[in-house]
Amino acid sequence: MIRKIILPVRGDGKGNNVFAHAAALAHRFDAQVVVTHCRPRPADMLPFGVPIPGILKDQLVRQAVELADQEEGVLKTEFIQLAEHLGLKVLDKPNGSGACASWIEESGRQVDVIKHHGRLADLIVVAQPDVDRNLGANTLKSALFHTGRPVLMCPPTNTPPKILGEKLTIAWNGSTEAARAVALTIGIIERAQEVTLLSAGTEIHGASSSDLESYLATRGITAKIERFQAKMKIGEELLARTKACGADLMIMGAYGDSHERETVFGGNTQVIVDKAEIPVILVH
């Protein structure tokens, strides 16, 4: 069951959309959304590799701190206003009385802040990477490969969902990653009104989609299986069939091209990351 949702933010213009996605799940599960603002350290804002006189360095540091304070003030005000608009109570300490939101400020690199707070969250919510602006890929990778937690990737939209997880699909290929995705999102799956298992018939060495259907039935979950032979890339087929099902969410295991380096997404995962137009929960 989801009780704690981590939402890392910075001033990139994507926070409102992602917050709305997180709020939809918070209301569904009476969960807490912890909005984590990553504040740059003054030293990180200084020119790298350029000798700076001590007096000038102190002045630049003071200016950096003032700038960070201003940004934090603006973002926190926006957070409070948006939380109220989304129907979330703003609390310093959650009391388990319903959907709520809280704000914390951390200094350092966002990828490190995500590792710190994400490992003790039930779900991490991030924006879909923006390829054109070169934003968000490292945030997603840090959340996915370095926390061990499910990651909800939110596509840009002018109308964020008010309900999320009512109808969902599960991309199934019998792999360890797919099994972990089911295990770590079972609370979301149990609450869904309609569950569809998407299978390309590639479970050569793993449990089949029929096995998954039987497992879910032991938990009182009725699921239907949709098997397909991909006429396009499997990732594109999964997205197309999820859309055709009318689902508002897809759950899948995620892969890296190198399990040792874990620096790049694998083929089907990269397609999903690049082309998804619906929210996707990824689990590595």
C-alpha atoms as a PDB file:
ATOM      1  CA  MET A   1       0.000   0.000   0.000  1.00  0.00           C
ATOM      2  CA  ILE A   2       1.258   3.458  -0.835  1.00  0.00           C
ATOM      3  CA  ARG A   3       1.762   5.721   2.158  1.00  0.00           C
ATOM      4  CA  LYS A   4       4.760   7.883   1.231  1.00  0.00           C
ATOM      5  CA  ILE A   5       5.393   9.444  -2.175  1.00  0.00           C
ATOM      6  CA  ILE A   6       8.628  11.317  -2.883  1.00  0.00           C
ATOM      7  CA  LEU A   7       8.479  14.127  -5.431  1.00  0.00           C
ATOM      8  CA  PRO A   8      11.870  15.724  -6.235  1.00  0.00           C
ATOM      9  CA  VAL A   9      11.490  19.218  -7.707  1.00  0.00           C
ATOM     10  CA  ARG A  10      13.591  22.047  -9.046  1.00  0.00           C
ATOM     11  CA  GLY A  11      12.741  25.200 -10.949  1.00  0.00           C
ATOM     12  CA  ASP A  12      12.353  23.575 -14.378  1.00  0.00           C
ATOM     13  CA  GLY A  13       8.651  24.267 -14.944  1.00  0.00           C
ATOM     14  CA  LYS A  14       7.635  20.599 -14.652  1.00  0.00           C
ATOM     15  CA  GLY A  15       6.712  20.537 -10.966  1.00  0.00           C
ATOM     16  CA  ASN A  16       3.012  21.397 -11.257  1.00  0.00           C
ATOM     17  CA  ASN A  17       2.218  18.562 -13.666  1.00  0.00           C
ATOM     18  CA  VAL A  18       4.172  15.986 -11.679  1.00  0.00           C
ATOM     19  CA  PHE A  19       2.637  17.186  -8.394  1.00  0.00           C
ATOM     20  CA  ALA A  20      -0.845  16.712  -9.871  1.00  0.00           C
ATOM     21  CA  HIS A  21      -0.024  13.095 -10.783  1.00  0.00           C
ATOM     22  CA  ALA A  22       1.309  12.467  -7.275  1.00  0.00           C
ATOM     23  CA  ALA A  23      -1.792  14.060  -5.745  1.00  0.00           C
ATOM     24  CA  ALA A  24      -4.075  11.735  -7.717  1.00  0.00           C
ATOM     25  CA  LEU A  25      -2.421   8.723  -6.095  1.00  0.00           C
ATOM     26  CA  ALA A  26      -2.217  10.428  -2.695  1.00  0.00           C
ATOM     27  CA  HIS A  27      -6.003  10.847  -2.670  1.00  0.00           C
ATOM     28  CA  ARG A  28      -6.499   7.268  -3.835  1.00  0.00           C
ATOM     29  CA  PHE A  29      -4.361   5.842  -1.030  1.00  0.00           C
ATOM     30  CA  ASP A  30      -4.555   8.545   1.686  1.00  0.00           C
ATOM     31  CA  ALA A  31      -0.832   8.996   1.202  1.00  0.00           C
ATOM     32  CA  GLN A  32       1.697  11.709   1.997  1.00  0.00           C
ATOM     33  CA  VAL A  33       3.459  13.539  -0.843  1.00  0.00           C
ATOM     34  CA  VAL A  34       6.905  14.703   0.261  1.00  0.00           C
ATOM     35  CA  VAL A  35       7.994  17.454  -2.103  1.00  0.00           C
ATOM     36  CA  THR A  36      11.787  17.489  -1.979  1.00  0.00           C
ATOM     37  CA  HIS A  37      13.402  20.648  -3.296  1.00  0.00           C
ATOM     38  CA  CYS A  38      17.036  20.223  -4.236  1.00  0.00           C
ATOM     39  CA  ARG A  39      18.956  23.372  -3.375  1.00  0.00           C
ATOM     40  CA  PRO A  40      22.316  23.780  -5.145  1.00  0.00           C
ATOM     41  CA  ARG A  41      25.325  24.103  -2.887  1.00  0.00           C
ATOM     42  CA  PRO A  42      27.067  27.480  -3.268  1.00  0.00           C
ATOM     43  CA  ALA A  43      30.328  25.754  -4.223  1.00  0.00           C
ATOM     44  CA  ASP A  44      28.548  24.012  -7.101  1.00  0.00           C
ATOM     45  CA  MET A  45      27.499  27.370  -8.544  1.00  0.00           C
ATOM     46  CA  LEU A  46      31.046  28.714  -8.820  1.00  0.00           C
ATOM     47  CA  PRO A  47      32.983  28.465 -12.109  1.00  0.00           C
ATOM     48  CA  PHE A  48      34.743  25.107 -12.265  1.00  0.00           C
ATOM     49  CA  GLY A  49      38.518  25.112 -12.671  1.00  0.00           C
ATOM     50  CA  VAL A  50      38.816  28.905 -12.644  1.00  0.00           C
ATOM     51  CA  PRO A  51      41.061  30.508  -9.969  1.00  0.00           C
ATOM     52  CA  ILE A  52      39.011  33.075  -8.009  1.00  0.00           C
ATOM     53  CA  PRO A  53      40.426  35.556  -5.455  1.00  0.00           C
ATOM     54  CA  GLY A  54      39.154  34.986  -1.927  1.00  0.00           C
ATOM     55  CA  ILE A  55      37.174  38.231  -1.647  1.00  0.00           C
ATOM     56  CA  LEU A  56      35.453  37.675  -4.989  1.00  0.00           C
ATOM     57  CA  LYS A  57      34.754  34.057  -4.092  1.00  0.00           C
ATOM     58  CA  ASP A  58      33.040  35.106  -0.847  1.00  0.00           C
ATOM     59  CA  GLN A  59      30.948  37.613  -2.769  1.00  0.00           C
ATOM     60  CA  LEU A  60      29.913  35.023  -5.352  1.00  0.00           C
ATOM     61  CA  VAL A  61      28.994  32.552  -2.607  1.00  0.00           C
ATOM     62  CA  ARG A  62      26.808  35.163  -0.859  1.00  0.00           C
ATOM     63  CA  GLN A  63      25.071  35.954  -4.132  1.00  0.00           C
ATOM     64  CA  ALA A  64      24.534  32.247  -4.794  1.00  0.00           C
ATOM     65  CA  VAL A  65      22.988  31.772  -1.345  1.00  0.00           C
ATOM     66  CA  GLU A  66      20.699  34.773  -1.839  1.00  0.00           C
ATOM     67  CA  LEU A  67      19.616  33.450  -5.228  1.00  0.00           C
ATOM     68  CA  ALA A  68      18.927  29.996  -3.768  1.00  0.00           C
ATOM     69  CA  ASP A  69      16.918  31.572  -0.920  1.00  0.00           C
ATOM     70  CA  GLN A  70      14.794  33.501  -3.402  1.00  0.00           C
ATOM     71  CA  GLU A  71      14.151  30.430  -5.534  1.00  0.00           C
ATOM     72  CA  GLU A  72      13.236  28.377  -2.487  1.00  0.00           C
ATOM     73  CA  GLY A  73      10.796  31.041  -1.293  1.00  0.00           C
ATOM     74  CA  VAL A  74       9.067  31.243  -4.665  1.00  0.00           C
ATOM     75  CA  LEU A  75       8.831  27.466  -5.080  1.00  0.00           C
ATOM     76  CA  LYS A  76       7.569  26.901  -1.536  1.00  0.00           C
ATOM     77  CA  THR A  77       4.835  29.506  -2.004  1.00  0.00           C
ATOM     78  CA  GLU A  78       3.825  27.838  -5.272  1.00  0.00           C
ATOM     79  CA  PHE A  79       3.881  24.450  -3.525  1.00  0.00           C
ATOM     80  CA  ILE A  80       1.482  25.589  -0.781  1.00  0.00           C
ATOM     81  CA  GLN A  81      -0.903  27.139  -3.294  1.00  0.00           C
ATOM     82  CA  LEU A  82      -0.854  24.098  -5.570  1.00  0.00           C
ATOM     83  CA  ALA A  83      -1.278  21.660  -2.675  1.00  0.00           C
ATOM     84  CA  GLU A  84      -4.401  23.519  -1.575  1.00  0.00           C
ATOM     85  CA  HIS A  85      -5.684  23.577  -5.168  1.00  0.00           C
ATOM     86  CA  LEU A  86      -5.148  19.807  -5.387  1.00  0.00           C
ATOM     87  CA  GLY A  87      -6.986  19.225  -2.121  1.00  0.00           C
ATOM     88  CA  LEU A  88      -3.939  18.200  -0.094  1.00  0.00           C
ATOM     89  CA  LYS A  89      -3.462  19.338   3.484  1.00  0.00           C
ATOM     90  CA  VAL A  90      -0.038  20.886   4.048  1.00  0.00           C
ATOM     91  CA  LEU A  91       1.550  19.392   7.156  1.00  0.00           C
ATOM     92  CA  ASP A  92       5.037  19.548   8.623  1.00  0.00           C
ATOM     93  CA  LYS A  93       4.557  16.052  10.024  1.00  0.00           C
ATOM     94  CA  PRO A  94       1.949  13.693   8.556  1.00  0.00           C
ATOM     95  CA  ASN A  95      -0.481  12.222  11.071  1.00  0.00           C
ATOM     96  CA  GLY A  96      -2.031   9.465   8.986  1.00  0.00           C
ATOM     97  CA  SER A  97      -5.361  11.288   8.759  1.00  0.00           C
ATOM     98  CA  GLY A  98      -5.582  11.380   4.969  1.00  0.00           C
ATOM     99  CA  ALA A  99      -3.938  12.693   1.831  1.00  0.00           C
ATOM    100  CA  CYS A 100      -1.434  15.416   2.651  1.00  0.00           C
ATOM    101  CA  ALA A 101       1.750  17.080   1.462  1.00  0.00           C
ATOM    102  CA  SER A 102       4.929  18.318   3.084  1.00  0.00           C
ATOM    103  CA  TRP A 103       7.977  20.274   1.918  1.00  0.00           C
ATOM    104  CA  ILE A 104      11.613  19.562   2.648  1.00  0.00           C
ATOM    105  CA  GLU A 105      14.722  21.361   1.473  1.00  0.00           C
ATOM    106  CA  GLU A 106      17.991  19.551   0.772  1.00  0.00           C
ATOM    107  CA  SER A 107      21.332  20.863  -0.431  1.00  0.00           C
ATOM    108  CA  GLY A 108      23.340  18.974  -3.028  1.00  0.00           C
ATOM    109  CA  ARG A 109      22.929  17.272  -6.369  1.00  0.00           C
ATOM    110  CA  GLN A 110      19.406  16.138  -7.142  1.00  0.00           C
ATOM    111  CA  VAL A 111      20.553  12.619  -8.013  1.00  0.00           C
ATOM    112  CA  ASP A 112      22.079  12.264  -4.527  1.00  0.00           C
ATOM    113  CA  VAL A 113      19.013  13.704  -2.807  1.00  0.00           C
ATOM    114  CA  ILE A 114      16.847  11.177  -4.648  1.00  0.00           C
ATOM    115  CA  LYS A 115      19.041   8.304  -3.463  1.00  0.00           C
ATOM    116  CA  HIS A 116      18.826   9.568   0.118  1.00  0.00           C
ATOM    117  CA  HIS A 117      15.066  10.039   0.363  1.00  0.00           C
ATOM    118  CA  GLY A 118      13.860   7.685  -2.359  1.00  0.00           C
ATOM    119  CA  ARG A 119      15.008   4.488  -0.688  1.00  0.00           C
ATOM    120  CA  LEU A 120      12.458   4.950   2.099  1.00  0.00           C
ATOM    121  CA  ALA A 121       9.522   5.854  -0.144  1.00  0.00           C
ATOM    122  CA  ASP A 122       6.731   3.691  -1.505  1.00  0.00           C
ATOM    123  CA  LEU A 123       6.841   5.552  -4.812  1.00  0.00           C
ATOM    124  CA  ILE A 124       9.036   8.175  -6.480  1.00  0.00           C
ATOM    125  CA  VAL A 125       7.341  10.502  -8.965  1.00  0.00           C
ATOM    126  CA  VAL A 126       9.365  12.222 -11.696  1.00  0.00           C
ATOM    127  CA  ALA A 127       8.776  13.997 -14.984  1.00  0.00           C
ATOM    128  CA  GLN A 128       9.323  12.269 -18.297  1.00  0.00           C
ATOM    129  CA  PRO A 129      12.784  13.309 -19.528  1.00  0.00           C
ATOM    130  CA  ASP A 130      12.787  16.251 -21.919  1.00  0.00           C
ATOM    131  CA  VAL A 131      15.165  15.289 -24.718  1.00  0.00           C
ATOM    132  CA  ASP A 132      15.031  18.687 -26.412  1.00  0.00           C
ATOM    133  CA  ARG A 133      16.046  20.526 -23.227  1.00  0.00           C
ATOM    134  CA  ASN A 134      18.329  17.743 -21.986  1.00  0.00           C
ATOM    135  CA  LEU A 135      16.438  17.625 -18.686  1.00  0.00           C
ATOM    136  CA  GLY A 136      15.332  14.810 -16.431  1.00  0.00           C
ATOM    137  CA  ALA A 137      17.220  11.751 -17.698  1.00  0.00           C
ATOM    138  CA  ASN A 138      19.657  11.635 -14.769  1.00  0.00           C
ATOM    139  CA  THR A 139      16.803  12.186 -12.317  1.00  0.00           C
ATOM    140  CA  LEU A 140      14.894   9.220 -13.730  1.00  0.00           C
ATOM    141  CA  LYS A 141      17.982   7.008 -13.831  1.00  0.00           C
ATOM    142  CA  SER A 142      18.933   7.849 -10.251  1.00  0.00           C
ATOM    143  CA  ALA A 143      15.425   7.069  -9.018  1.00  0.00           C
ATOM    144  CA  LEU A 144      15.181   3.872 -11.037  1.00  0.00           C
ATOM    145  CA  PHE A 145      18.619   2.324 -10.659  1.00  0.00           C
ATOM    146  CA  HIS A 146      19.729   3.548  -7.228  1.00  0.00           C
ATOM    147  CA  THR A 147      16.728   3.361  -4.885  1.00  0.00           C
ATOM    148  CA  GLY A 148      15.115  -0.038  -5.425  1.00  0.00           C
ATOM    149  CA  ARG A 149      11.699   1.653  -5.438  1.00  0.00           C
ATOM    150  CA  PRO A 150       8.939   2.003  -8.059  1.00  0.00           C
ATOM    151  CA  VAL A 151       9.172   5.158 -10.165  1.00  0.00           C
ATOM    152  CA  LEU A 152       6.157   6.867 -11.705  1.00  0.00           C
ATOM    153  CA  MET A 153       7.173   8.705 -14.877  1.00  0.00           C
ATOM    154  CA  CYS A 154       4.705  11.471 -15.769  1.00  0.00           C
ATOM    155  CA  PRO A 155       4.361  12.692 -19.364  1.00  0.00           C
ATOM    156  CA  PRO A 156       3.671  16.379 -20.004  1.00  0.00           C
ATOM    157  CA  THR A 157      -0.036  17.152 -20.258  1.00  0.00           C
ATOM    158  CA  ASN A 158      -2.339  20.146 -20.089  1.00  0.00           C
ATOM    159  CA  THR A 159      -4.905  18.126 -18.133  1.00  0.00           C
ATOM    160  CA  PRO A 160      -3.225  16.058 -15.386  1.00  0.00           C
ATOM    161  CA  PRO A 161      -5.336  13.106 -14.200  1.00  0.00           C
ATOM    162  CA  LYS A 162      -7.584  13.433 -11.171  1.00  0.00           C
ATOM    163  CA  ILE A 163      -7.819   9.635 -10.940  1.00  0.00           C
ATOM    164  CA  LEU A 164      -4.865   7.344 -11.576  1.00  0.00           C
ATOM    165  CA  GLY A 165      -4.727   3.554 -11.486  1.00  0.00           C
ATOM    166  CA  GLU A 166      -8.407   2.883 -12.214  1.00  0.00           C
ATOM    167  CA  LYS A 167      -7.549   0.908 -15.354  1.00  0.00           C
ATOM    168  CA  LEU A 168      -4.019  -0.368 -15.793  1.00  0.00           C
ATOM    169  CA  THR A 169      -1.888  -2.651 -17.890  1.00  0.00           C
ATOM    170  CA  ILE A 170       1.060  -4.772 -16.804  1.00  0.00           C
ATOM    171  CA  ALA A 171       3.806  -5.453 -19.339  1.00  0.00           C
ATOM    172  CA  TRP A 172       4.803  -9.061 -18.665  1.00  0.00           C
ATOM    173  CA  ASN A 173       7.712 -11.106 -20.014  1.00  0.00           C
ATOM    174  CA  GLY A 174       8.450 -13.380 -17.060  1.00  0.00           C
ATOM    175  CA  SER A 175      11.651 -11.561 -16.104  1.00  0.00           C
ATOM    176  CA  THR A 176      12.915 -10.736 -12.630  1.00  0.00           C
ATOM    177  CA  GLU A 177      12.309  -7.043 -13.325  1.00  0.00           C
ATOM    178  CA  ALA A 178       8.706  -7.697 -14.353  1.00  0.00           C
ATOM    179  CA  ALA A 179       8.138  -9.811 -11.237  1.00  0.00           C
ATOM    180  CA  ARG A 180       9.574  -7.048  -9.031  1.00  0.00           C
ATOM    181  CA  ALA A 181       7.324  -4.533 -10.754  1.00  0.00           C
ATOM    182  CA  VAL A 182       4.267  -6.580  -9.815  1.00  0.00           C
ATOM    183  CA  ALA A 183       5.472  -7.186  -6.259  1.00  0.00           C
ATOM    184  CA  LEU A 184       6.271  -3.532  -5.545  1.00  0.00           C
ATOM    185  CA  THR A 185       3.043  -2.179  -7.035  1.00  0.00           C
ATOM    186  CA  ILE A 186       0.637  -4.864  -5.830  1.00  0.00           C
ATOM    187  CA  GLY A 187      -1.231  -2.323  -3.691  1.00  0.00           C
ATOM    188  CA  ILE A 188      -1.960  -0.248  -6.789  1.00  0.00           C
ATOM    189  CA  ILE A 189      -2.933  -3.341  -8.774  1.00  0.00           C
ATOM    190  CA  GLU A 190      -5.326  -4.506  -6.047  1.00  0.00           C
ATOM    191  CA  ARG A 191      -7.201  -1.193  -6.134  1.00  0.00           C
ATOM    192  CA  ALA A 192      -7.608  -1.121  -9.925  1.00  0.00           C
ATOM    193  CA  GLN A 193     -11.025  -1.737 -11.445  1.00  0.00           C
ATOM    194  CA  GLU A 194      -9.551  -3.289 -14.588  1.00  0.00           C
ATOM    195  CA  VAL A 195      -6.208  -5.063 -15.048  1.00  0.00           C
ATOM    196  CA  THR A 196      -4.857  -6.217 -18.410  1.00  0.00           C
ATOM    197  CA  LEU A 197      -1.723  -8.328 -18.796  1.00  0.00           C
ATOM    198  CA  LEU A 198       0.171  -7.565 -21.990  1.00  0.00           C
ATOM    199  CA  SER A 199       2.391 -10.357 -23.271  1.00  0.00           C
ATOM    200  CA  ALA A 200       4.383 -10.769 -26.464  1.00  0.00           C
ATOM    201  CA  GLY A 201       4.897 -14.448 -25.643  1.00  0.00           C
ATOM    202  CA  THR A 202       8.554 -14.010 -24.714  1.00  0.00           C
ATOM    203  CA  GLU A 203       8.466 -15.738 -21.303  1.00  0.00           C
ATOM    204  CA  ILE A 204      10.905 -18.429 -22.437  1.00  0.00           C
ATOM    205  CA  HIS A 205      12.565 -19.031 -19.073  1.00  0.00           C
ATOM    206  CA  GLY A 206      10.099 -17.312 -16.754  1.00  0.00           C
ATOM    207  CA  ALA A 207       6.538 -17.479 -15.493  1.00  0.00           C
ATOM    208  CA  SER A 208       3.926 -17.056 -18.209  1.00  0.00           C
ATOM    209  CA  SER A 209       1.162 -14.479 -18.320  1.00  0.00           C
ATOM    210  CA  SER A 210      -1.227 -17.294 -17.364  1.00  0.00           C
ATOM    211  CA  ASP A 211       0.902 -17.946 -14.280  1.00  0.00           C
ATOM    212  CA  LEU A 212       0.676 -14.255 -13.398  1.00  0.00           C
ATOM    213  CA  GLU A 213      -3.082 -14.306 -13.925  1.00  0.00           C
ATOM    214  CA  SER A 214      -3.349 -17.226 -11.480  1.00  0.00           C
ATOM    215  CA  TYR A 215      -1.112 -15.493  -8.931  1.00  0.00           C
ATOM    216  CA  LEU A 216      -3.182 -12.319  -9.040  1.00  0.00           C
ATOM    217  CA  ALA A 217      -6.354 -14.384  -8.614  1.00  0.00           C
ATOM    218  CA  THR A 218      -5.042 -15.659  -5.258  1.00  0.00           C
ATOM    219  CA  ARG A 219      -5.107 -12.024  -4.139  1.00  0.00           C
ATOM    220  CA  GLY A 220      -8.635 -11.494  -5.399  1.00  0.00           C
ATOM    221  CA  ILE A 221      -7.529  -9.647  -8.535  1.00  0.00           C
ATOM    222  CA  THR A 222      -9.278 -10.449 -11.801  1.00  0.00           C
ATOM    223  CA  ALA A 223      -7.037  -9.834 -14.796  1.00  0.00           C
ATOM    224  CA  LYS A 224      -7.407 -10.476 -18.493  1.00  0.00           C
ATOM    225  CA  ILE A 225      -4.568 -11.462 -20.795  1.00  0.00           C
ATOM    226  CA  GLU A 226      -3.849  -9.822 -24.114  1.00  0.00           C
ATOM    227  CA  ARG A 227      -1.228 -11.699 -26.095  1.00  0.00           C
ATOM    228  CA  PHE A 228       0.229 -10.170 -29.206  1.00  0.00           C
ATOM    229  CA  GLN A 229       2.875 -10.581 -31.849  1.00  0.00           C
ATOM    230  CA  ALA A 230       4.619  -7.270 -32.203  1.00  0.00           C
ATOM    231  CA  LYS A 231       4.198  -5.625 -35.594  1.00  0.00           C
ATOM    232  CA  MET A 232       6.460  -2.812 -34.404  1.00  0.00           C
ATOM    233  CA  LYS A 233       8.940  -2.423 -31.568  1.00  0.00           C
ATOM    234  CA  ILE A 234       7.619  -4.158 -28.459  1.00  0.00           C
ATOM    235  CA  GLY A 235       7.765  -0.909 -26.494  1.00  0.00           C
ATOM    236  CA  GLU A 236       5.626   0.847 -29.100  1.00  0.00           C
ATOM    237  CA  GLU A 237       3.219  -2.101 -29.151  1.00  0.00           C
ATOM    238  CA  LEU A 238       2.845  -1.956 -25.361  1.00  0.00           C
ATOM    239  CA  LEU A 239       2.025   1.741 -25.491  1.00  0.00           C
ATOM    240  CA  ALA A 240      -0.436   1.292 -28.359  1.00  0.00           C
ATOM    241  CA  ARG A 241      -2.266  -1.556 -26.635  1.00  0.00           C
ATOM    242  CA  THR A 242      -2.351   0.276 -23.321  1.00  0.00           C
ATOM    243  CA  LYS A 243      -3.968   3.217 -25.092  1.00  0.00           C
ATOM    244  CA  ALA A 244      -6.419   0.910 -26.883  1.00  0.00           C
ATOM    245  CA  CYS A 245      -7.417  -0.608 -23.522  1.00  0.00           C
ATOM    246  CA  GLY A 246      -8.325   2.837 -22.242  1.00  0.00           C
ATOM    247  CA  ALA A 247      -5.860   2.354 -19.384  1.00  0.00           C
ATOM    248  CA  ASP A 248      -4.634   5.354 -17.418  1.00  0.00           C
ATOM    249  CA  LEU A 249      -1.453   3.653 -16.169  1.00  0.00           C
ATOM    250  CA  MET A 250       1.085   1.053 -17.283  1.00  0.00           C
ATOM    251  CA  ILE A 251       3.360  -0.973 -14.994  1.00  0.00           C
ATOM    252  CA  MET A 252       6.540  -2.595 -16.279  1.00  0.00           C
ATOM    253  CA  GLY A 253      10.001  -3.789 -15.374  1.00  0.00           C
ATOM    254  CA  ALA A 254      12.825  -1.561 -16.596  1.00  0.00           C
ATOM    255  CA  TYR A 255      16.202  -2.535 -17.942  1.00  0.00           C
ATOM    256  CA  GLY A 256      19.608  -0.992 -18.506  1.00  0.00           C
ATOM    257  CA  ASP A 257      21.848  -1.837 -21.450  1.00  0.00           C
ATOM    258  CA  SER A 258      24.570  -2.668 -18.934  1.00  0.00           C
ATOM    259  CA  HIS A 259      23.581  -4.183 -15.619  1.00  0.00           C
ATOM    260  CA  GLU A 260      27.047  -3.377 -14.307  1.00  0.00           C
ATOM    261  CA  ARG A 261      27.167   0.276 -15.320  1.00  0.00           C
ATOM    262  CA  GLU A 262      23.407   0.846 -15.372  1.00  0.00           C
ATOM    263  CA  THR A 263      23.903   4.109 -17.208  1.00  0.00           C
ATOM    264  CA  VAL A 264      21.673   3.668 -20.232  1.00  0.00           C
ATOM    265  CA  PHE A 265      18.174   2.312 -20.665  1.00  0.00           C
ATOM    266  CA  GLY A 266      17.692  -0.925 -22.570  1.00  0.00           C
ATOM    267  CA  GLY A 267      15.826  -1.050 -25.884  1.00  0.00           C
ATOM    268  CA  ASN A 268      12.153  -1.454 -24.926  1.00  0.00           C
ATOM    269  CA  THR A 269      12.571   0.658 -21.799  1.00  0.00           C
ATOM    270  CA  GLN A 270      14.098   3.480 -23.838  1.00  0.00           C
ATOM    271  CA  VAL A 271      11.145   3.385 -26.241  1.00  0.00           C
ATOM    272  CA  ILE A 272       8.737   3.720 -23.314  1.00  0.00           C
ATOM    273  CA  VAL A 273      10.755   6.553 -21.765  1.00  0.00           C
ATOM    274  CA  ASP A 274      10.905   8.425 -25.072  1.00  0.00           C
ATOM    275  CA  LYS A 275       7.379   7.882 -26.381  1.00  0.00           C
ATOM    276  CA  ALA A 276       4.976   7.297 -23.477  1.00  0.00           C
ATOM    277  CA  GLU A 277       1.932   9.565 -23.481  1.00  0.00           C
ATOM    278  CA  ILE A 278       0.435   8.029 -20.344  1.00  0.00           C
ATOM    279  CA  PRO A 279       1.909   7.650 -16.846  1.00  0.00           C
ATOM    280  CA  VAL A 280       4.169   4.609 -16.502  1.00  0.00           C
ATOM    281  CA  ILE A 281       5.456   2.964 -13.332  1.00  0.00           C
ATOM    282  CA  LEU A 282       8.938   1.552 -13.924  1.00  0.00           C
ATOM    283  CA  VAL A 283      10.705  -0.878 -11.594  1.00  0.00           C
ATOM    284  CA  HIS A 284      14.272  -2.138 -11.908  1.00  0.00           C
END
